[in-house]
C-alpha atoms as a PDB file:
ATOM      1  CA  MET A   1      21.671 -45.236-346.215  1.00  0.00           C
ATOM      2  CA  SER A   2      18.595 -43.768-347.833  1.00  0.00           C
ATOM      3  CA  LYS A   3      17.339 -40.256-347.179  1.00  0.00           C
ATOM      4  CA  PRO A   4      14.222 -40.230-344.943  1.00  0.00           C
ATOM      5  CA  LYS A   5      10.901 -39.432-346.588  1.00  0.00           C
ATOM      6  CA  ILE A   6       9.863 -35.823-345.978  1.00  0.00           C
ATOM      7  CA  LEU A   7       6.652 -35.625-343.984  1.00  0.00           C
ATOM      8  CA  GLY A   8       4.658 -32.414-344.042  1.00  0.00           C
ATOM      9  CA  LYS A   9       6.096 -29.049-345.007  1.00  0.00           C
ATOM     10  CA  ILE A  10       9.553 -28.341-343.542  1.00  0.00           C
ATOM     11  CA  LEU A  11       9.830 -25.164-341.469  1.00  0.00           C
ATOM     12  CA  TYR A  12      13.330 -25.685-340.057  1.00  0.00           C
ATOM     13  CA  ASP A  13      15.892 -28.250-341.118  1.00  0.00           C
ATOM     14  CA  TYR A  14      18.561 -29.854-338.939  1.00  0.00           C
ATOM     15  CA  ASP A  15      21.143 -27.162-339.729  1.00  0.00           C
ATOM     16  CA  ASP A  16      18.682 -24.361-338.824  1.00  0.00           C
ATOM     17  CA  ILE A  17      17.959 -26.051-335.498  1.00  0.00           C
ATOM     18  CA  GLN A  18      21.642 -26.594-334.685  1.00  0.00           C
ATOM     19  CA  LYS A  19      22.515 -22.989-335.523  1.00  0.00           C
ATOM     20  CA  ARG A  20      19.775 -21.647-333.272  1.00  0.00           C
ATOM     21  CA  ALA A  21      20.639 -24.051-330.431  1.00  0.00           C
ATOM     22  CA  LYS A  22      24.284 -22.854-330.544  1.00  0.00           C
ATOM     23  CA  GLU A  23      23.157 -19.208-330.411  1.00  0.00           C
ATOM     24  CA  LEU A  24      20.859 -19.775-327.446  1.00  0.00           C
ATOM     25  CA  ALA A  25      23.416 -21.933-325.606  1.00  0.00           C
ATOM     26  CA  ALA A  26      25.945 -19.109-325.930  1.00  0.00           C
ATOM     27  CA  GLN A  27      23.408 -16.614-324.558  1.00  0.00           C
ATOM     28  CA  ILE A  28      22.519 -18.933-321.662  1.00  0.00           C
ATOM     29  CA  ASP A  29      26.237 -19.390-320.866  1.00  0.00           C
ATOM     30  CA  LYS A  30      26.656 -15.619-320.771  1.00  0.00           C
ATOM     31  CA  ASP A  31      23.521 -15.012-318.683  1.00  0.00           C
ATOM     32  CA  TYR A  32      24.372 -17.668-316.068  1.00  0.00           C
ATOM     33  CA  GLU A  33      28.150 -17.259-315.916  1.00  0.00           C
ATOM     34  CA  GLY A  34      29.375 -18.179-312.423  1.00  0.00           C
ATOM     35  CA  GLU A  35      25.906 -19.273-311.288  1.00  0.00           C
ATOM     36  CA  ASP A  36      24.538 -22.620-310.120  1.00  0.00           C
ATOM     37  CA  LEU A  37      22.274 -23.702-312.983  1.00  0.00           C
ATOM     38  CA  ILE A  38      19.902 -26.631-313.353  1.00  0.00           C
ATOM     39  CA  LEU A  39      18.573 -27.557-316.803  1.00  0.00           C
ATOM     40  CA  LEU A  40      15.191 -29.223-316.507  1.00  0.00           C
ATOM     41  CA  CYS A  41      14.085 -31.213-319.565  1.00  0.00           C
ATOM     42  CA  THR A  42      10.343 -31.503-320.160  1.00  0.00           C
ATOM     43  CA  LEU A  43       9.542 -34.995-321.346  1.00  0.00           C
ATOM     44  CA  LYS A  44       8.981 -36.265-323.975  1.00  0.00           C
ATOM     45  CA  GLY A  45       9.011 -33.680-326.719  1.00  0.00           C
ATOM     46  CA  SER A  46      11.988 -31.573-325.700  1.00  0.00           C
ATOM     47  CA  VAL A  47      14.569 -34.372-325.421  1.00  0.00           C
ATOM     48  CA  LEU A  48      16.323 -33.581-328.724  1.00  0.00           C
ATOM     49  CA  TRP A  49      16.265 -29.800-328.165  1.00  0.00           C
ATOM     50  CA  PHE A  50      17.467 -30.307-324.570  1.00  0.00           C
ATOM     51  CA  ALA A  51      20.398 -32.416-325.801  1.00  0.00           C
ATOM     52  CA  ASP A  52      21.329 -29.741-328.350  1.00  0.00           C
ATOM     53  CA  ILE A  53      21.272 -26.912-325.806  1.00  0.00           C
ATOM     54  CA  LEU A  54      23.246 -29.008-323.309  1.00  0.00           C
ATOM     55  CA  LYS A  55      25.917 -30.100-325.796  1.00  0.00           C
ATOM     56  CA  TYR A  56      26.573 -26.544-326.992  1.00  0.00           C
ATOM     57  CA  MET A  57      26.769 -25.024-323.515  1.00  0.00           C
ATOM     58  CA  GLU A  58      30.131 -24.479-321.857  1.00  0.00           C
ATOM     59  CA  HIS A  59      28.491 -23.978-318.455  1.00  0.00           C
ATOM     60  CA  ASP A  60      28.754 -26.979-316.145  1.00  0.00           C
ATOM     61  CA  CYS A  61      25.197 -27.498-314.967  1.00  0.00           C
ATOM     62  CA  ARG A  62      23.082 -30.130-313.299  1.00  0.00           C
ATOM     63  CA  ILE A  63      20.177 -31.738-315.150  1.00  0.00           C
ATOM     64  CA  ASP A  64      16.871 -33.369-314.322  1.00  0.00           C
ATOM     65  CA  PHE A  65      13.558 -34.190-315.996  1.00  0.00           C
ATOM     66  CA  ILE A  66       9.874 -33.366-315.583  1.00  0.00           C
ATOM     67  CA  SER A  67       6.756 -34.524-317.377  1.00  0.00           C
ATOM     68  CA  ALA A  68       3.522 -32.561-317.212  1.00  0.00           C
ATOM     69  CA  SER A  69       0.542 -32.286-319.518  1.00  0.00           C
ATOM     70  CA  SER A  70      -2.834 -30.661-319.909  1.00  0.00           C
ATOM     71  CA  TYR A  71      -3.595 -32.522-323.133  1.00  0.00           C
ATOM     72  CA  GLY A  72      -3.890 -36.221-322.294  1.00  0.00           C
ATOM     73  CA  SER A  73      -4.638 -37.932-325.600  1.00  0.00           C
ATOM     74  CA  ALA A  74      -6.429 -34.896-327.056  1.00  0.00           C
ATOM     75  CA  THR A  75      -5.081 -32.358-329.537  1.00  0.00           C
ATOM     76  CA  SER A  76      -6.162 -29.353-327.472  1.00  0.00           C
ATOM     77  CA  THR A  77      -5.643 -28.569-323.799  1.00  0.00           C
ATOM     78  CA  SER A  78      -8.110 -29.723-321.176  1.00  0.00           C
ATOM     79  CA  GLY A  79      -6.961 -26.898-318.902  1.00  0.00           C
ATOM     80  CA  VAL A  80      -6.222 -29.381-316.100  1.00  0.00           C
ATOM     81  CA  VAL A  81      -2.484 -29.916-315.609  1.00  0.00           C
ATOM     82  CA  LYS A  82      -1.089 -33.191-314.357  1.00  0.00           C
ATOM     83  CA  ILE A  83       2.564 -33.695-313.393  1.00  0.00           C
ATOM     84  CA  ASN A  84       3.446 -37.230-314.456  1.00  0.00           C
ATOM     85  CA  PHE A  85       7.138 -37.205-313.492  1.00  0.00           C
ATOM     86  CA  ASP A  86       8.495 -34.860-310.863  1.00  0.00           C
ATOM     87  CA  PRO A  87      12.179 -33.864-310.703  1.00  0.00           C
ATOM     88  CA  ASN A  88      14.192 -35.103-307.715  1.00  0.00           C
ATOM     89  CA  ILE A  89      16.975 -32.510-307.804  1.00  0.00           C
ATOM     90  CA  ASN A  90      17.293 -29.941-305.021  1.00  0.00           C
ATOM     91  CA  MET A  91      16.502 -26.578-306.632  1.00  0.00           C
ATOM     92  CA  TYR A  92      16.884 -24.440-303.536  1.00  0.00           C
ATOM     93  CA  ASN A  93      18.972 -21.325-304.224  1.00  0.00           C
ATOM     94  CA  ALA A  94      19.838 -22.441-307.781  1.00  0.00           C
ATOM     95  CA  HIS A  95      18.750 -21.029-311.108  1.00  0.00           C
ATOM     96  CA  VAL A  96      16.410 -23.373-312.995  1.00  0.00           C
ATOM     97  CA  LEU A  97      16.053 -23.273-316.763  1.00  0.00           C
ATOM     98  CA  VAL A  98      13.198 -25.370-318.114  1.00  0.00           C
ATOM     99  CA  ILE A  99      13.925 -26.648-321.611  1.00  0.00           C
ATOM    100  CA  GLU A 100      10.660 -27.010-323.543  1.00  0.00           C
ATOM    101  CA  ASP A 101       9.765 -28.173-327.043  1.00  0.00           C
ATOM    102  CA  ILE A 102       6.829 -25.842-327.717  1.00  0.00           C
ATOM    103  CA  VAL A 103       4.901 -23.184-325.817  1.00  0.00           C
ATOM    104  CA  ASP A 104       1.341 -23.365-327.049  1.00  0.00           C
ATOM    105  CA  SER A 105      -1.501 -22.298-324.717  1.00  0.00           C
ATOM    106  CA  GLY A 106       1.002 -21.678-321.902  1.00  0.00           C
ATOM    107  CA  ILE A 107      -1.311 -23.324-319.355  1.00  0.00           C
ATOM    108  CA  THR A 108       0.953 -26.281-318.573  1.00  0.00           C
ATOM    109  CA  LEU A 109       4.146 -24.233-318.334  1.00  0.00           C
ATOM    110  CA  LYS A 110       2.573 -21.549-316.149  1.00  0.00           C
ATOM    111  CA  TYR A 111       1.444 -24.283-313.735  1.00  0.00           C
ATOM    112  CA  VAL A 112       4.855 -25.992-313.796  1.00  0.00           C
ATOM    113  CA  MET A 113       6.680 -22.688-313.256  1.00  0.00           C
ATOM    114  CA  ASP A 114       4.496 -21.877-310.234  1.00  0.00           C
ATOM    115  CA  LYS A 115       5.132 -25.336-308.746  1.00  0.00           C
ATOM    116  CA  LEU A 116       8.896 -25.100-309.325  1.00  0.00           C
ATOM    117  CA  ALA A 117       9.000 -21.633-307.729  1.00  0.00           C
ATOM    118  CA  GLU A 118       7.696 -23.226-304.504  1.00  0.00           C
ATOM    119  CA  ARG A 119      11.026 -25.095-304.201  1.00  0.00           C
ATOM    120  CA  GLY A 120      13.010 -21.933-303.474  1.00  0.00           C
ATOM    121  CA  PRO A 121      15.166 -21.459-306.585  1.00  0.00           C
ATOM    122  CA  LYS A 122      16.854 -18.118-307.292  1.00  0.00           C
ATOM    123  CA  SER A 123      14.990 -18.017-310.605  1.00  0.00           C
ATOM    124  CA  VAL A 124      12.930 -20.187-312.936  1.00  0.00           C
ATOM    125  CA  LYS A 125      13.009 -19.421-316.655  1.00  0.00           C
ATOM    126  CA  VAL A 126      12.079 -21.211-319.891  1.00  0.00           C
ATOM    127  CA  CYS A 127      13.985 -21.938-323.087  1.00  0.00           C
ATOM    128  CA  THR A 128      11.612 -23.203-325.767  1.00  0.00           C
ATOM    129  CA  MET A 129      12.418 -24.502-329.218  1.00  0.00           C
ATOM    130  CA  LEU A 130       9.099 -23.237-330.625  1.00  0.00           C
ATOM    131  CA  ASN A 131       6.807 -20.430-329.514  1.00  0.00           C
ATOM    132  CA  LYS A 132       3.209 -20.381-330.783  1.00  0.00           C
ATOM    133  CA  GLU A 133       1.732 -17.073-329.580  1.00  0.00           C
ATOM    134  CA  ALA A 134      -1.456 -17.522-331.623  1.00  0.00           C
ATOM    135  CA  ARG A 135      -2.733 -20.193-329.217  1.00  0.00           C
ATOM    136  CA  ARG A 136      -1.654 -18.515-325.956  1.00  0.00           C
ATOM    137  CA  THR A 137      -4.413 -18.395-323.353  1.00  0.00           C
ATOM    138  CA  ALA A 138      -2.275 -18.110-320.197  1.00  0.00           C
ATOM    139  CA  ASP A 139      -0.268 -15.055-319.198  1.00  0.00           C
ATOM    140  CA  PHE A 140       3.078 -16.648-319.980  1.00  0.00           C
ATOM    141  CA  HIS A 141       6.156 -15.902-322.050  1.00  0.00           C
ATOM    142  CA  ALA A 142       9.372 -17.829-322.653  1.00  0.00           C
ATOM    143  CA  ASP A 143      12.700 -16.226-321.806  1.00  0.00           C
ATOM    144  CA  TYR A 144      14.658 -17.882-324.638  1.00  0.00           C
ATOM    145  CA  VAL A 145      12.932 -18.726-327.924  1.00  0.00           C
ATOM    146  CA  GLY A 146      14.328 -20.827-330.740  1.00  0.00           C
ATOM    147  CA  PHE A 147      11.710 -20.041-333.368  1.00  0.00           C
ATOM    148  CA  GLU A 148       8.376 -18.227-333.539  1.00  0.00           C
ATOM    149  CA  ILE A 149       5.725 -20.233-335.401  1.00  0.00           C
ATOM    150  CA  ASP A 150       2.192 -19.763-336.653  1.00  0.00           C
ATOM    151  CA  ASP A 151      -0.770 -21.839-335.477  1.00  0.00           C
ATOM    152  CA  LEU A 152       0.274 -25.056-337.233  1.00  0.00           C
ATOM    153  CA  PHE A 153       0.252 -28.749-336.278  1.00  0.00           C
ATOM    154  CA  ILE A 154       3.983 -29.302-335.738  1.00  0.00           C
ATOM    155  CA  ILE A 155       5.839 -32.618-335.924  1.00  0.00           C
ATOM    156  CA  GLY A 156       9.427 -33.747-335.843  1.00  0.00           C
ATOM    157  CA  TYR A 157      12.484 -33.035-333.773  1.00  0.00           C
ATOM    158  CA  GLY A 158      10.774 -34.313-330.646  1.00  0.00           C
ATOM    159  CA  LEU A 159       7.210 -33.265-331.446  1.00  0.00           C
ATOM    160  CA  ASP A 160       4.797 -36.041-332.246  1.00  0.00           C
ATOM    161  CA  TYR A 161       1.622 -37.081-333.939  1.00  0.00           C
ATOM    162  CA  ASP A 162       0.004 -39.793-331.788  1.00  0.00           C
ATOM    163  CA  GLN A 163       3.420 -40.597-330.194  1.00  0.00           C
ATOM    164  CA  ARG A 164       5.046 -41.031-333.632  1.00  0.00           C
ATOM    165  CA  LEU A 165       7.370 -38.953-335.832  1.00  0.00           C
ATOM    166  CA  ARG A 166       9.415 -37.537-332.911  1.00  0.00           C
ATOM    167  CA  GLY A 167      12.703 -38.683-334.480  1.00  0.00           C
ATOM    168  CA  LEU A 168      12.434 -36.680-337.688  1.00  0.00           C
ATOM    169  CA  PRO A 169      15.625 -34.595-338.098  1.00  0.00           C
ATOM    170  CA  TYR A 170      13.638 -31.451-338.946  1.00  0.00           C
ATOM    171  CA  ILE A 171      10.581 -29.484-337.821  1.00  0.00           C
ATOM    172  CA  SER A 172       7.619 -29.587-340.158  1.00  0.00           C
ATOM    173  CA  TYR A 173       3.875 -29.206-340.030  1.00  0.00           C
ATOM    174  CA  LEU A 174       1.011 -31.362-341.142  1.00  0.00           C
ATOM    175  CA  GLU A 175      -2.105 -30.305-342.961  1.00  0.00           C
ATOM    176  CA  GLU A 176      -5.325 -32.289-342.835  1.00  0.00           C
ATOM    177  CA  ASP A 177      -4.566 -34.305-346.001  1.00  0.00           C
ATOM    178  CA  ASP A 178      -1.113 -35.161-344.579  1.00  0.00           C
ATOM    179  CA  VAL A 179      -2.686 -36.616-341.414  1.00  0.00           C
ATOM    180  CA  GLU A 180      -5.085 -38.759-343.429  1.00  0.00           C
ATOM    181  CA  SER A 181      -2.156 -40.377-345.273  1.00  0.00           C
ATOM    182  CA  LEU A 182      -0.323 -41.443-342.079  1.00  0.00           C
END
């Protein structure tokens, strides 16, 4: 089996990601000990991070999925959030932890959090793999953060470029000349 070609500049390799997922899973276990917890995976980008958090947790929790976007096919937010896939799970009186790939502008997550809060959970919090404060326009912060990043175009480990490169086993970023060669 050949080693995959490295695309972009690697920020975090597979081992870095696994180490951080284990640390956050342990913290989540501690914080929600004895509580009814629902992990809510945001599709599509957070699937790998969600699986890592879930597999390292000892807490027995329920899971579901949501898909929302304010980007469409653009590379910057339109500011209008659309929920494309709504979770079916009953959240009433449970703690909900949204597992996200990246918090960028914060617009989509703030909207999603407000909508989830309408369902009567005890709490709604966010665990994000990547936090990009430089692009934040909404008053929003994540409760659990894997890694803080600069304002870079991130790919890999669930994050895509034009619906590609999600399966890379690392997190990297692309520069303009990298995009032209894809």
